[in-house]
Amino acid sequence: MIADIAPWAQIRGGRAMDLLTPDPNEIDFRAVADTLAQLNRYAGGAEKTVSVGQHTLIVFDASEPTDRPYALLHDAHEAHIGEITTPAADALAMIARFDGDERNTIYRALRALKERHDSAFYAAAGLRPPNMAQRERIRRAGLVALATERRDFLGPSPRPWAPEVEAVSPLRSVYRLRKPADVADELYDKFSRFLPALAARTM
């Protein structure tokens, strides 16, 4: 049974974030940086625990300079809704199809939830939503980061990954795990310098 009250999550600072209609004015980028630096990727299954915050910094490094503000926000929604891994989302989509849901309602709902939070982050950051070309470049930067993390943080793969992951090369730089506090500080520093709304406050 679906509750009558809109679902919300308690976020850092003891504040409530409406998960259906997130308010850009409620977004605290310092808290977001701290949260992403504590949130594990790969459902905690990596040999070396890597955070969403460190992943964001790797995507930043893999991105074109003009795309870097969007690289910083590409997974920011996970500070509110957690990380739903790609394999888990794919498994949900397959279950939906097996159950006769040809419209794949579950997958569409997951995507819509992320998009609602992405829109709130763009507004809070003073950015227009990325266009299709920017989205595709950020997606590719994410694949490069994924290949880099697989090399540096995961154990040997028992099976091939998705063809689009296998097709890209990792970054030349070898990444080492960093303390969550250091990741959070660097991420917030980049938020402050590359997100227009935050950069304007420091002028």
N, C-alpha and C. Protein backbone atom coordinates (compact mmCIF):
# COMPACT_ATOMS: atom_id res chain seq x y z
N MET A 1 0.85 -1.20 0.00
CA MET A 1 0.00 0.00 0.00
C MET A 1 0.88 1.24 0.00
N ILE A 2 0.58 2.17 -0.89
CA ILE A 2 1.34 3.41 -0.98
C ILE A 2 0.83 4.42 0.05
N ALA A 3 1.75 4.99 0.81
CA ALA A 3 1.36 5.96 1.84
C ALA A 3 0.77 7.21 1.22
N ASP A 4 -0.13 7.85 1.98
CA ASP A 4 -0.73 9.10 1.51
C ASP A 4 0.24 10.26 1.62
N ILE A 5 1.20 10.15 2.53
CA ILE A 5 2.18 11.22 2.74
C ILE A 5 3.32 11.04 1.76
N ALA A 6 3.72 12.12 1.10
CA ALA A 6 4.81 12.05 0.13
C ALA A 6 6.07 11.53 0.81
N PRO A 7 6.77 10.59 0.19
CA PRO A 7 7.99 10.06 0.81
C PRO A 7 9.06 11.14 0.93
N TRP A 8 9.79 11.07 2.03
CA TRP A 8 10.86 12.03 2.27
C TRP A 8 12.04 11.29 2.88
N ALA A 9 13.20 11.91 2.81
CA ALA A 9 14.41 11.32 3.39
C ALA A 9 15.04 12.35 4.31
N GLN A 10 15.57 11.85 5.45
CA GLN A 10 16.34 12.72 6.32
C GLN A 10 17.75 12.83 5.77
N ILE A 11 18.17 14.03 5.48
CA ILE A 11 19.50 14.26 4.92
C ILE A 11 20.37 14.97 5.95
N ARG A 12 21.63 15.11 5.62
CA ARG A 12 22.58 15.71 6.57
C ARG A 12 22.09 17.08 7.04
N GLY A 13 22.36 17.36 8.30
CA GLY A 13 21.87 18.59 8.90
C GLY A 13 20.52 18.41 9.54
N GLY A 14 19.99 17.17 9.52
CA GLY A 14 18.70 16.91 10.14
C GLY A 14 17.53 17.49 9.39
N ARG A 15 17.70 17.66 8.07
CA ARG A 15 16.63 18.26 7.26
C ARG A 15 15.89 17.18 6.49
N ALA A 16 14.64 17.49 6.12
CA ALA A 16 13.82 16.56 5.35
C ALA A 16 13.85 16.97 3.88
N MET A 17 14.10 16.00 3.00
CA MET A 17 14.07 16.25 1.57
C MET A 17 12.89 15.49 0.97
N ASP A 18 11.96 16.22 0.38
CA ASP A 18 10.84 15.61 -0.33
C ASP A 18 11.39 14.86 -1.54
N LEU A 19 11.15 13.57 -1.62
CA LEU A 19 11.75 12.78 -2.69
C LEU A 19 11.00 12.90 -4.02
N LEU A 20 9.73 13.29 -3.97
CA LEU A 20 8.97 13.43 -5.21
C LEU A 20 9.12 14.82 -5.83
N THR A 21 9.15 15.84 -4.99
CA THR A 21 9.30 17.21 -5.48
C THR A 21 10.42 17.90 -4.71
N PRO A 22 11.67 17.52 -4.99
CA PRO A 22 12.80 18.10 -4.24
C PRO A 22 12.91 19.60 -4.48
N ASP A 23 13.15 20.32 -3.41
CA ASP A 23 13.23 21.78 -3.45
C ASP A 23 14.69 22.21 -3.62
N PRO A 24 15.02 22.92 -4.71
CA PRO A 24 16.40 23.38 -4.89
C PRO A 24 16.91 24.22 -3.73
N ASN A 25 16.00 24.94 -3.06
CA ASN A 25 16.41 25.79 -1.94
C ASN A 25 16.84 24.98 -0.72
N GLU A 26 16.50 23.69 -0.70
CA GLU A 26 16.87 22.83 0.42
C GLU A 26 18.22 22.15 0.20
N ILE A 27 18.82 22.35 -0.96
CA ILE A 27 20.07 21.65 -1.27
C ILE A 27 21.25 22.41 -0.67
N ASP A 28 22.02 21.70 0.13
CA ASP A 28 23.23 22.22 0.77
C ASP A 28 24.40 21.47 0.16
N PHE A 29 25.19 22.14 -0.68
CA PHE A 29 26.24 21.44 -1.42
C PHE A 29 27.36 20.94 -0.51
N ARG A 30 27.56 21.58 0.63
CA ARG A 30 28.54 21.04 1.57
C ARG A 30 28.07 19.69 2.09
N ALA A 31 26.80 19.60 2.43
CA ALA A 31 26.24 18.34 2.91
C ALA A 31 26.25 17.29 1.81
N VAL A 32 26.00 17.71 0.58
CA VAL A 32 26.03 16.78 -0.56
C VAL A 32 27.43 16.19 -0.73
N ALA A 33 28.46 17.05 -0.66
CA ALA A 33 29.84 16.57 -0.78
C ALA A 33 30.17 15.58 0.32
N ASP A 34 29.75 15.87 1.56
CA ASP A 34 30.02 14.97 2.67
C ASP A 34 29.31 13.63 2.48
N THR A 35 28.07 13.68 2.00
CA THR A 35 27.30 12.45 1.80
C THR A 35 27.91 11.59 0.71
N LEU A 36 28.22 12.19 -0.44
CA LEU A 36 28.76 11.41 -1.56
C LEU A 36 30.11 10.79 -1.21
N ALA A 37 30.87 11.46 -0.34
CA ALA A 37 32.17 10.92 0.07
C ALA A 37 32.03 9.71 0.99
N GLN A 38 30.85 9.51 1.56
CA GLN A 38 30.61 8.38 2.46
C GLN A 38 29.84 7.25 1.78
N LEU A 39 29.30 7.52 0.60
CA LEU A 39 28.42 6.57 -0.07
C LEU A 39 29.24 5.64 -0.97
N ASN A 40 29.16 4.34 -0.72
CA ASN A 40 29.96 3.37 -1.46
C ASN A 40 29.37 3.06 -2.83
N ARG A 41 30.28 2.91 -3.80
CA ARG A 41 29.88 2.42 -5.12
C ARG A 41 29.90 0.88 -5.14
N TYR A 42 29.30 0.34 -6.19
CA TYR A 42 29.28 -1.11 -6.41
C TYR A 42 28.63 -1.86 -5.25
N ALA A 43 27.68 -1.20 -4.58
CA ALA A 43 26.99 -1.80 -3.44
C ALA A 43 27.98 -2.31 -2.40
N GLY A 44 29.14 -1.65 -2.32
CA GLY A 44 30.17 -2.05 -1.36
C GLY A 44 30.95 -3.27 -1.79
N GLY A 45 30.79 -3.71 -3.06
CA GLY A 45 31.41 -4.94 -3.52
C GLY A 45 32.79 -4.81 -4.10
N ALA A 46 33.34 -3.60 -4.13
CA ALA A 46 34.70 -3.42 -4.66
C ALA A 46 35.72 -3.95 -3.66
N GLU A 47 36.85 -4.40 -4.18
CA GLU A 47 37.91 -4.88 -3.30
C GLU A 47 38.46 -3.74 -2.44
N LYS A 48 38.49 -2.54 -3.03
CA LYS A 48 38.90 -1.34 -2.30
C LYS A 48 37.71 -0.39 -2.33
N THR A 49 37.21 -0.08 -1.17
CA THR A 49 35.96 0.68 -1.08
C THR A 49 36.11 2.07 -1.69
N VAL A 50 35.40 2.29 -2.78
CA VAL A 50 35.47 3.58 -3.47
C VAL A 50 34.12 4.27 -3.35
N SER A 51 34.14 5.56 -3.09
CA SER A 51 32.90 6.29 -2.85
C SER A 51 32.37 6.93 -4.12
N VAL A 52 31.10 7.29 -4.08
CA VAL A 52 30.51 8.05 -5.18
C VAL A 52 31.22 9.39 -5.33
N GLY A 53 31.66 9.96 -4.20
CA GLY A 53 32.39 11.23 -4.27
C GLY A 53 33.69 11.10 -5.04
N GLN A 54 34.46 10.03 -4.77
CA GLN A 54 35.71 9.85 -5.52
C GLN A 54 35.42 9.53 -6.98
N HIS A 55 34.38 8.76 -7.24
CA HIS A 55 33.97 8.51 -8.62
C HIS A 55 33.66 9.83 -9.34
N THR A 56 32.97 10.74 -8.66
CA THR A 56 32.63 12.03 -9.26
C THR A 56 33.90 12.79 -9.65
N LEU A 57 34.92 12.74 -8.80
CA LEU A 57 36.18 13.42 -9.11
C LEU A 57 36.88 12.78 -10.31
N ILE A 58 36.75 11.47 -10.46
CA ILE A 58 37.34 10.79 -11.62
C ILE A 58 36.58 11.16 -12.88
N VAL A 59 35.26 11.21 -12.82
CA VAL A 59 34.48 11.64 -13.98
C VAL A 59 34.84 13.08 -14.35
N PHE A 60 35.03 13.92 -13.35
CA PHE A 60 35.47 15.30 -13.58
C PHE A 60 36.77 15.30 -14.39
N ASP A 61 37.73 14.47 -13.99
CA ASP A 61 39.02 14.41 -14.70
C ASP A 61 38.86 13.89 -16.12
N ALA A 62 37.86 13.03 -16.35
CA ALA A 62 37.67 12.43 -17.67
C ALA A 62 36.84 13.31 -18.60
N SER A 63 36.32 14.43 -18.09
CA SER A 63 35.39 15.26 -18.86
C SER A 63 36.09 16.39 -19.60
N GLU A 64 35.43 16.86 -20.64
CA GLU A 64 35.87 18.08 -21.32
C GLU A 64 35.71 19.26 -20.36
N PRO A 65 36.59 20.25 -20.44
CA PRO A 65 36.50 21.39 -19.51
C PRO A 65 35.12 22.04 -19.46
N THR A 66 34.47 22.18 -20.63
CA THR A 66 33.17 22.85 -20.64
C THR A 66 32.07 22.00 -20.00
N ASP A 67 32.32 20.70 -19.85
CA ASP A 67 31.31 19.81 -19.29
C ASP A 67 31.48 19.58 -17.79
N ARG A 68 32.53 20.12 -17.21
CA ARG A 68 32.86 19.76 -15.83
C ARG A 68 31.80 20.13 -14.79
N PRO A 69 31.08 21.25 -14.94
CA PRO A 69 30.00 21.49 -13.97
C PRO A 69 28.97 20.36 -13.96
N TYR A 70 28.67 19.83 -15.13
CA TYR A 70 27.70 18.73 -15.21
C TYR A 70 28.31 17.42 -14.71
N ALA A 71 29.60 17.24 -14.92
CA ALA A 71 30.26 16.06 -14.38
C ALA A 71 30.16 16.02 -12.85
N LEU A 72 30.28 17.19 -12.23
CA LEU A 72 30.20 17.26 -10.77
C LEU A 72 28.81 16.87 -10.25
N LEU A 73 27.79 17.05 -11.08
CA LEU A 73 26.42 16.81 -10.62
C LEU A 73 25.82 15.53 -11.17
N HIS A 74 26.56 14.77 -11.98
CA HIS A 74 25.92 13.66 -12.69
C HIS A 74 25.38 12.59 -11.74
N ASP A 75 25.95 12.44 -10.57
CA ASP A 75 25.44 11.48 -9.59
C ASP A 75 25.01 12.16 -8.29
N ALA A 76 24.83 13.48 -8.33
CA ALA A 76 24.49 14.19 -7.09
C ALA A 76 23.17 13.72 -6.51
N HIS A 77 22.25 13.27 -7.36
CA HIS A 77 20.96 12.79 -6.86
C HIS A 77 21.13 11.65 -5.86
N GLU A 78 22.26 10.93 -5.92
CA GLU A 78 22.47 9.82 -5.01
C GLU A 78 22.64 10.27 -3.57
N ALA A 79 22.94 11.55 -3.36
CA ALA A 79 23.00 12.08 -1.99
C ALA A 79 21.62 12.06 -1.34
N HIS A 80 20.56 12.02 -2.17
CA HIS A 80 19.19 11.99 -1.64
C HIS A 80 18.56 10.61 -1.74
N ILE A 81 18.82 9.89 -2.82
CA ILE A 81 18.10 8.64 -3.06
C ILE A 81 18.99 7.41 -2.95
N GLY A 82 20.28 7.60 -2.67
CA GLY A 82 21.19 6.48 -2.57
C GLY A 82 21.64 6.03 -3.95
N GLU A 83 22.56 5.06 -3.95
CA GLU A 83 23.03 4.54 -5.23
C GLU A 83 22.24 3.29 -5.60
N ILE A 84 21.55 3.35 -6.70
CA ILE A 84 20.87 2.19 -7.26
C ILE A 84 21.77 1.68 -8.37
N THR A 85 22.47 0.58 -8.14
CA THR A 85 23.47 0.14 -9.10
C THR A 85 22.83 -0.21 -10.44
N THR A 86 23.61 -0.09 -11.51
CA THR A 86 23.10 -0.42 -12.84
C THR A 86 22.65 -1.87 -12.92
N PRO A 87 23.43 -2.84 -12.40
CA PRO A 87 22.93 -4.22 -12.45
C PRO A 87 21.60 -4.40 -11.72
N ALA A 88 21.43 -3.72 -10.58
CA ALA A 88 20.16 -3.83 -9.85
C ALA A 88 19.01 -3.25 -10.65
N ALA A 89 19.25 -2.09 -11.29
CA ALA A 89 18.21 -1.48 -12.12
C ALA A 89 17.87 -2.38 -13.31
N ASP A 90 18.90 -3.00 -13.91
CA ASP A 90 18.66 -3.91 -15.03
C ASP A 90 17.86 -5.13 -14.57
N ALA A 91 18.17 -5.64 -13.37
CA ALA A 91 17.43 -6.80 -12.85
C ALA A 91 15.96 -6.45 -12.61
N LEU A 92 15.72 -5.26 -12.06
CA LEU A 92 14.34 -4.82 -11.86
C LEU A 92 13.60 -4.71 -13.19
N ALA A 93 14.29 -4.17 -14.21
CA ALA A 93 13.68 -4.03 -15.52
C ALA A 93 13.33 -5.40 -16.12
N MET A 94 14.21 -6.39 -15.93
CA MET A 94 13.94 -7.72 -16.46
C MET A 94 12.77 -8.38 -15.74
N ILE A 95 12.69 -8.20 -14.41
CA ILE A 95 11.56 -8.74 -13.66
C ILE A 95 10.26 -8.13 -14.16
N ALA A 96 10.27 -6.81 -14.40
CA ALA A 96 9.08 -6.12 -14.89
C ALA A 96 8.64 -6.71 -16.23
N ARG A 97 9.60 -6.96 -17.12
CA ARG A 97 9.25 -7.53 -18.43
C ARG A 97 8.73 -8.96 -18.28
N PHE A 98 9.37 -9.74 -17.40
CA PHE A 98 8.91 -11.12 -17.18
C PHE A 98 7.47 -11.14 -16.66
N ASP A 99 7.13 -10.11 -15.88
CA ASP A 99 5.78 -10.02 -15.31
C ASP A 99 4.78 -9.38 -16.26
N GLY A 100 5.21 -9.14 -17.49
CA GLY A 100 4.29 -8.63 -18.51
C GLY A 100 4.19 -7.13 -18.59
N ASP A 101 5.09 -6.41 -17.90
CA ASP A 101 5.06 -4.95 -17.95
C ASP A 101 5.88 -4.49 -19.16
N GLU A 102 5.24 -4.43 -20.31
CA GLU A 102 5.96 -4.08 -21.54
C GLU A 102 6.45 -2.63 -21.53
N ARG A 103 5.81 -1.79 -20.75
CA ARG A 103 6.22 -0.38 -20.68
C ARG A 103 7.38 -0.18 -19.71
N ASN A 104 7.73 -1.26 -19.00
CA ASN A 104 8.85 -1.22 -18.06
C ASN A 104 8.68 -0.07 -17.05
N THR A 105 7.59 -0.11 -16.35
CA THR A 105 7.22 0.97 -15.44
C THR A 105 8.27 1.20 -14.37
N ILE A 106 8.86 0.12 -13.85
CA ILE A 106 9.84 0.28 -12.77
C ILE A 106 11.05 1.07 -13.25
N TYR A 107 11.58 0.67 -14.40
CA TYR A 107 12.77 1.36 -14.92
C TYR A 107 12.44 2.82 -15.23
N ARG A 108 11.27 3.06 -15.81
CA ARG A 108 10.87 4.44 -16.12
C ARG A 108 10.71 5.26 -14.85
N ALA A 109 10.19 4.64 -13.78
CA ALA A 109 10.02 5.35 -12.52
C ALA A 109 11.37 5.70 -11.91
N LEU A 110 12.33 4.76 -11.96
CA LEU A 110 13.67 5.05 -11.45
C LEU A 110 14.29 6.21 -12.20
N ARG A 111 14.17 6.20 -13.52
CA ARG A 111 14.74 7.27 -14.32
C ARG A 111 14.07 8.61 -14.02
N ALA A 112 12.74 8.58 -13.87
CA ALA A 112 12.02 9.82 -13.57
C ALA A 112 12.41 10.38 -12.20
N LEU A 113 12.63 9.48 -11.23
CA LEU A 113 13.03 9.93 -9.89
C LEU A 113 14.39 10.63 -9.95
N LYS A 114 15.33 10.02 -10.66
CA LYS A 114 16.65 10.64 -10.80
C LYS A 114 16.52 11.99 -11.51
N GLU A 115 15.71 12.06 -12.54
CA GLU A 115 15.57 13.30 -13.30
C GLU A 115 14.97 14.42 -12.46
N ARG A 116 14.04 14.10 -11.57
CA ARG A 116 13.47 15.13 -10.70
C ARG A 116 14.55 15.73 -9.80
N HIS A 117 15.40 14.87 -9.27
CA HIS A 117 16.46 15.37 -8.39
C HIS A 117 17.55 16.07 -9.19
N ASP A 118 17.87 15.55 -10.37
CA ASP A 118 18.84 16.25 -11.23
C ASP A 118 18.37 17.67 -11.52
N SER A 119 17.09 17.83 -11.84
CA SER A 119 16.56 19.16 -12.15
C SER A 119 16.71 20.10 -10.96
N ALA A 120 16.47 19.58 -9.76
CA ALA A 120 16.63 20.41 -8.56
C ALA A 120 18.09 20.83 -8.38
N PHE A 121 19.01 19.91 -8.65
CA PHE A 121 20.43 20.24 -8.52
C PHE A 121 20.85 21.27 -9.57
N TYR A 122 20.40 21.14 -10.80
CA TYR A 122 20.75 22.14 -11.81
C TYR A 122 20.26 23.52 -11.39
N ALA A 123 19.03 23.59 -10.89
CA ALA A 123 18.48 24.88 -10.46
C ALA A 123 19.29 25.45 -9.30
N ALA A 124 19.63 24.62 -8.32
CA ALA A 124 20.40 25.08 -7.17
C ALA A 124 21.79 25.54 -7.56
N ALA A 125 22.35 24.91 -8.61
CA ALA A 125 23.70 25.23 -9.05
C ALA A 125 23.75 26.39 -10.03
N GLY A 126 22.57 26.85 -10.49
CA GLY A 126 22.54 27.93 -11.47
C GLY A 126 22.89 27.47 -12.87
N LEU A 127 22.55 26.24 -13.19
CA LEU A 127 22.86 25.66 -14.51
C LEU A 127 21.58 25.35 -15.27
N ARG A 128 21.64 25.51 -16.57
CA ARG A 128 20.57 24.97 -17.42
C ARG A 128 20.77 23.46 -17.52
N PRO A 129 19.72 22.70 -17.75
CA PRO A 129 19.91 21.27 -17.96
C PRO A 129 20.84 21.04 -19.16
N PRO A 130 21.66 19.99 -19.10
CA PRO A 130 22.57 19.73 -20.22
C PRO A 130 21.80 19.33 -21.47
N ASN A 131 22.36 19.69 -22.63
CA ASN A 131 21.74 19.26 -23.88
C ASN A 131 22.14 17.82 -24.19
N MET A 132 21.63 17.30 -25.29
CA MET A 132 21.86 15.89 -25.61
C MET A 132 23.35 15.61 -25.82
N ALA A 133 24.05 16.52 -26.50
CA ALA A 133 25.48 16.31 -26.74
C ALA A 133 26.26 16.29 -25.43
N GLN A 134 25.90 17.20 -24.52
CA GLN A 134 26.58 17.23 -23.21
C GLN A 134 26.28 15.96 -22.42
N ARG A 135 25.03 15.51 -22.47
CA ARG A 135 24.67 14.28 -21.76
C ARG A 135 25.48 13.09 -22.28
N GLU A 136 25.65 13.03 -23.59
CA GLU A 136 26.39 11.90 -24.17
C GLU A 136 27.86 11.97 -23.79
N ARG A 137 28.43 13.17 -23.76
CA ARG A 137 29.85 13.28 -23.37
C ARG A 137 30.04 12.92 -21.90
N ILE A 138 29.10 13.33 -21.05
CA ILE A 138 29.20 12.98 -19.63
C ILE A 138 29.02 11.47 -19.46
N ARG A 139 28.11 10.89 -20.22
CA ARG A 139 27.93 9.44 -20.14
C ARG A 139 29.21 8.71 -20.51
N ARG A 140 29.89 9.20 -21.56
CA ARG A 140 31.14 8.55 -21.96
C ARG A 140 32.22 8.76 -20.90
N ALA A 141 32.29 9.96 -20.32
CA ALA A 141 33.25 10.19 -19.24
C ALA A 141 32.97 9.25 -18.07
N GLY A 142 31.70 8.98 -17.81
CA GLY A 142 31.35 8.03 -16.77
C GLY A 142 31.83 6.63 -17.07
N LEU A 143 31.77 6.23 -18.35
CA LEU A 143 32.28 4.92 -18.75
C LEU A 143 33.79 4.84 -18.58
N VAL A 144 34.48 5.93 -18.93
CA VAL A 144 35.94 5.96 -18.75
C VAL A 144 36.27 5.85 -17.26
N ALA A 145 35.51 6.56 -16.42
CA ALA A 145 35.73 6.46 -14.98
C ALA A 145 35.46 5.05 -14.48
N LEU A 146 34.42 4.41 -15.02
CA LEU A 146 34.10 3.04 -14.63
C LEU A 146 35.24 2.10 -14.98
N ALA A 147 35.80 2.25 -16.18
CA ALA A 147 36.93 1.41 -16.58
C ALA A 147 38.14 1.68 -15.69
N THR A 148 38.33 2.93 -15.31
CA THR A 148 39.45 3.29 -14.45
C THR A 148 39.29 2.68 -13.06
N GLU A 149 38.08 2.76 -12.53
CA GLU A 149 37.81 2.19 -11.20
C GLU A 149 37.93 0.67 -11.23
N ARG A 150 37.49 0.06 -12.31
CA ARG A 150 37.62 -1.40 -12.40
C ARG A 150 39.09 -1.80 -12.32
N ARG A 151 39.94 -1.05 -13.00
CA ARG A 151 41.37 -1.35 -12.98
C ARG A 151 41.97 -1.10 -11.59
N ASP A 152 41.59 -0.01 -10.96
CA ASP A 152 42.29 0.44 -9.74
C ASP A 152 41.67 -0.05 -8.43
N PHE A 153 40.38 -0.35 -8.43
CA PHE A 153 39.71 -0.63 -7.16
C PHE A 153 39.00 -1.98 -7.07
N LEU A 154 38.72 -2.61 -8.19
CA LEU A 154 37.99 -3.87 -8.18
C LEU A 154 38.94 -5.04 -8.40
N GLY A 155 38.53 -6.22 -7.97
CA GLY A 155 39.32 -7.41 -8.23
C GLY A 155 39.12 -7.87 -9.67
N PRO A 156 39.80 -8.95 -10.06
CA PRO A 156 39.63 -9.49 -11.41
C PRO A 156 38.17 -9.82 -11.70
N SER A 157 37.72 -9.50 -12.90
CA SER A 157 36.31 -9.69 -13.24
C SER A 157 36.05 -11.14 -13.64
N PRO A 158 35.04 -11.77 -13.05
CA PRO A 158 34.73 -13.16 -13.40
C PRO A 158 34.03 -13.30 -14.74
N ARG A 159 33.47 -12.20 -15.25
CA ARG A 159 32.76 -12.21 -16.53
C ARG A 159 33.04 -10.87 -17.23
N PRO A 160 32.86 -10.84 -18.55
CA PRO A 160 32.98 -9.55 -19.24
C PRO A 160 31.91 -8.57 -18.76
N TRP A 161 32.26 -7.31 -18.74
CA TRP A 161 31.29 -6.27 -18.42
C TRP A 161 30.53 -5.92 -19.70
N ALA A 162 29.65 -4.93 -19.60
CA ALA A 162 28.87 -4.50 -20.76
C ALA A 162 29.81 -4.10 -21.89
N PRO A 163 29.45 -4.38 -23.13
CA PRO A 163 30.33 -4.07 -24.26
C PRO A 163 30.79 -2.61 -24.29
N GLU A 164 29.93 -1.67 -23.90
CA GLU A 164 30.32 -0.27 -23.95
C GLU A 164 31.39 0.04 -22.90
N VAL A 165 31.44 -0.72 -21.81
CA VAL A 165 32.50 -0.55 -20.83
C VAL A 165 33.80 -1.17 -21.34
N GLU A 166 33.67 -2.35 -21.92
CA GLU A 166 34.86 -3.03 -22.44
C GLU A 166 35.50 -2.25 -23.59
N ALA A 167 34.72 -1.40 -24.26
CA ALA A 167 35.21 -0.69 -25.44
C ALA A 167 36.02 0.56 -25.12
N VAL A 168 35.99 1.03 -23.86
CA VAL A 168 36.72 2.26 -23.53
C VAL A 168 37.98 1.93 -22.75
N SER A 169 38.93 2.84 -22.83
CA SER A 169 40.19 2.69 -22.09
C SER A 169 40.15 3.52 -20.82
N PRO A 170 40.76 3.04 -19.76
CA PRO A 170 40.80 3.84 -18.52
C PRO A 170 41.72 5.04 -18.69
N LEU A 171 41.61 5.98 -17.77
CA LEU A 171 42.53 7.10 -17.74
C LEU A 171 43.95 6.61 -17.47
N ARG A 172 44.93 7.36 -17.93
CA ARG A 172 46.32 6.95 -17.70
C ARG A 172 46.69 7.02 -16.22
N SER A 173 46.17 8.03 -15.55
CA SER A 173 46.49 8.19 -14.13
C SER A 173 45.95 7.02 -13.33
N VAL A 174 46.76 6.52 -12.41
CA VAL A 174 46.33 5.47 -11.51
C VAL A 174 45.83 6.13 -10.22
N TYR A 175 44.62 5.78 -9.81
CA TYR A 175 43.99 6.41 -8.66
C TYR A 175 44.16 5.56 -7.42
N ARG A 176 44.37 6.24 -6.31
CA ARG A 176 44.48 5.59 -5.01
C ARG A 176 43.29 6.01 -4.15
N LEU A 177 42.93 5.15 -3.25
CA LEU A 177 41.84 5.49 -2.34
C LEU A 177 42.23 6.66 -1.46
N ARG A 178 41.26 7.51 -1.17
CA ARG A 178 41.49 8.67 -0.34
C ARG A 178 40.52 8.68 0.83
N LYS A 179 40.89 9.38 1.89
CA LYS A 179 40.02 9.48 3.05
C LYS A 179 38.73 10.22 2.66
N PRO A 180 37.60 9.77 3.20
CA PRO A 180 36.33 10.44 2.87
C PRO A 180 36.37 11.94 3.12
N ALA A 181 36.99 12.38 4.20
CA ALA A 181 37.04 13.81 4.50
C ALA A 181 37.79 14.57 3.42
N ASP A 182 38.87 13.99 2.89
CA ASP A 182 39.64 14.64 1.84
C ASP A 182 38.84 14.70 0.54
N VAL A 183 38.14 13.61 0.24
CA VAL A 183 37.29 13.59 -0.96
C VAL A 183 36.20 14.66 -0.85
N ALA A 184 35.56 14.72 0.32
CA ALA A 184 34.48 15.70 0.52
C ALA A 184 35.00 17.12 0.37
N ASP A 185 36.16 17.41 0.92
CA ASP A 185 36.72 18.76 0.83
C ASP A 185 37.02 19.13 -0.62
N GLU A 186 37.63 18.20 -1.36
CA GLU A 186 37.95 18.52 -2.76
C GLU A 186 36.67 18.67 -3.59
N LEU A 187 35.70 17.80 -3.33
CA LEU A 187 34.46 17.88 -4.08
C LEU A 187 33.75 19.21 -3.81
N TYR A 188 33.70 19.61 -2.55
CA TYR A 188 33.04 20.88 -2.24
C TYR A 188 33.82 22.06 -2.83
N ASP A 189 35.14 21.97 -2.83
CA ASP A 189 35.94 23.02 -3.44
C ASP A 189 35.61 23.15 -4.93
N LYS A 190 35.43 22.02 -5.59
CA LYS A 190 35.08 22.06 -7.01
C LYS A 190 33.65 22.56 -7.22
N PHE A 191 32.74 22.16 -6.34
CA PHE A 191 31.39 22.74 -6.40
C PHE A 191 31.49 24.26 -6.33
N SER A 192 32.28 24.76 -5.40
CA SER A 192 32.36 26.20 -5.15
C SER A 192 32.98 26.95 -6.33
N ARG A 193 33.86 26.29 -7.07
CA ARG A 193 34.54 26.96 -8.18
C ARG A 193 33.86 26.78 -9.53
N PHE A 194 33.16 25.66 -9.72
CA PHE A 194 32.65 25.34 -11.05
C PHE A 194 31.13 25.45 -11.18
N LEU A 195 30.40 25.50 -10.09
CA LEU A 195 28.96 25.67 -10.17
C LEU A 195 28.63 27.15 -10.07
N PRO A 196 27.98 27.72 -11.09
CA PRO A 196 27.80 29.19 -11.17
C PRO A 196 27.20 29.82 -9.92
N ALA A 197 26.16 29.22 -9.37
CA ALA A 197 25.49 29.83 -8.21
C ALA A 197 26.41 29.90 -7.01
N LEU A 198 27.27 28.89 -6.84
CA LEU A 198 28.21 28.89 -5.71
C LEU A 198 29.39 29.81 -5.99
N ALA A 199 29.88 29.79 -7.23
CA ALA A 199 31.02 30.64 -7.57
C ALA A 199 30.67 32.10 -7.41
N ALA A 200 29.42 32.47 -7.68
CA ALA A 200 29.00 33.87 -7.56
C ALA A 200 29.08 34.36 -6.12
N ARG A 201 28.92 33.45 -5.16
CA ARG A 201 28.95 33.85 -3.75
C ARG A 201 30.35 34.24 -3.29
N THR A 202 31.37 33.71 -3.98
CA THR A 202 32.73 33.97 -3.57
C THR A 202 33.35 35.18 -4.26
N MET A 203 32.61 35.78 -5.18
CA MET A 203 33.14 36.94 -5.90
C MET A 203 33.03 38.20 -5.06
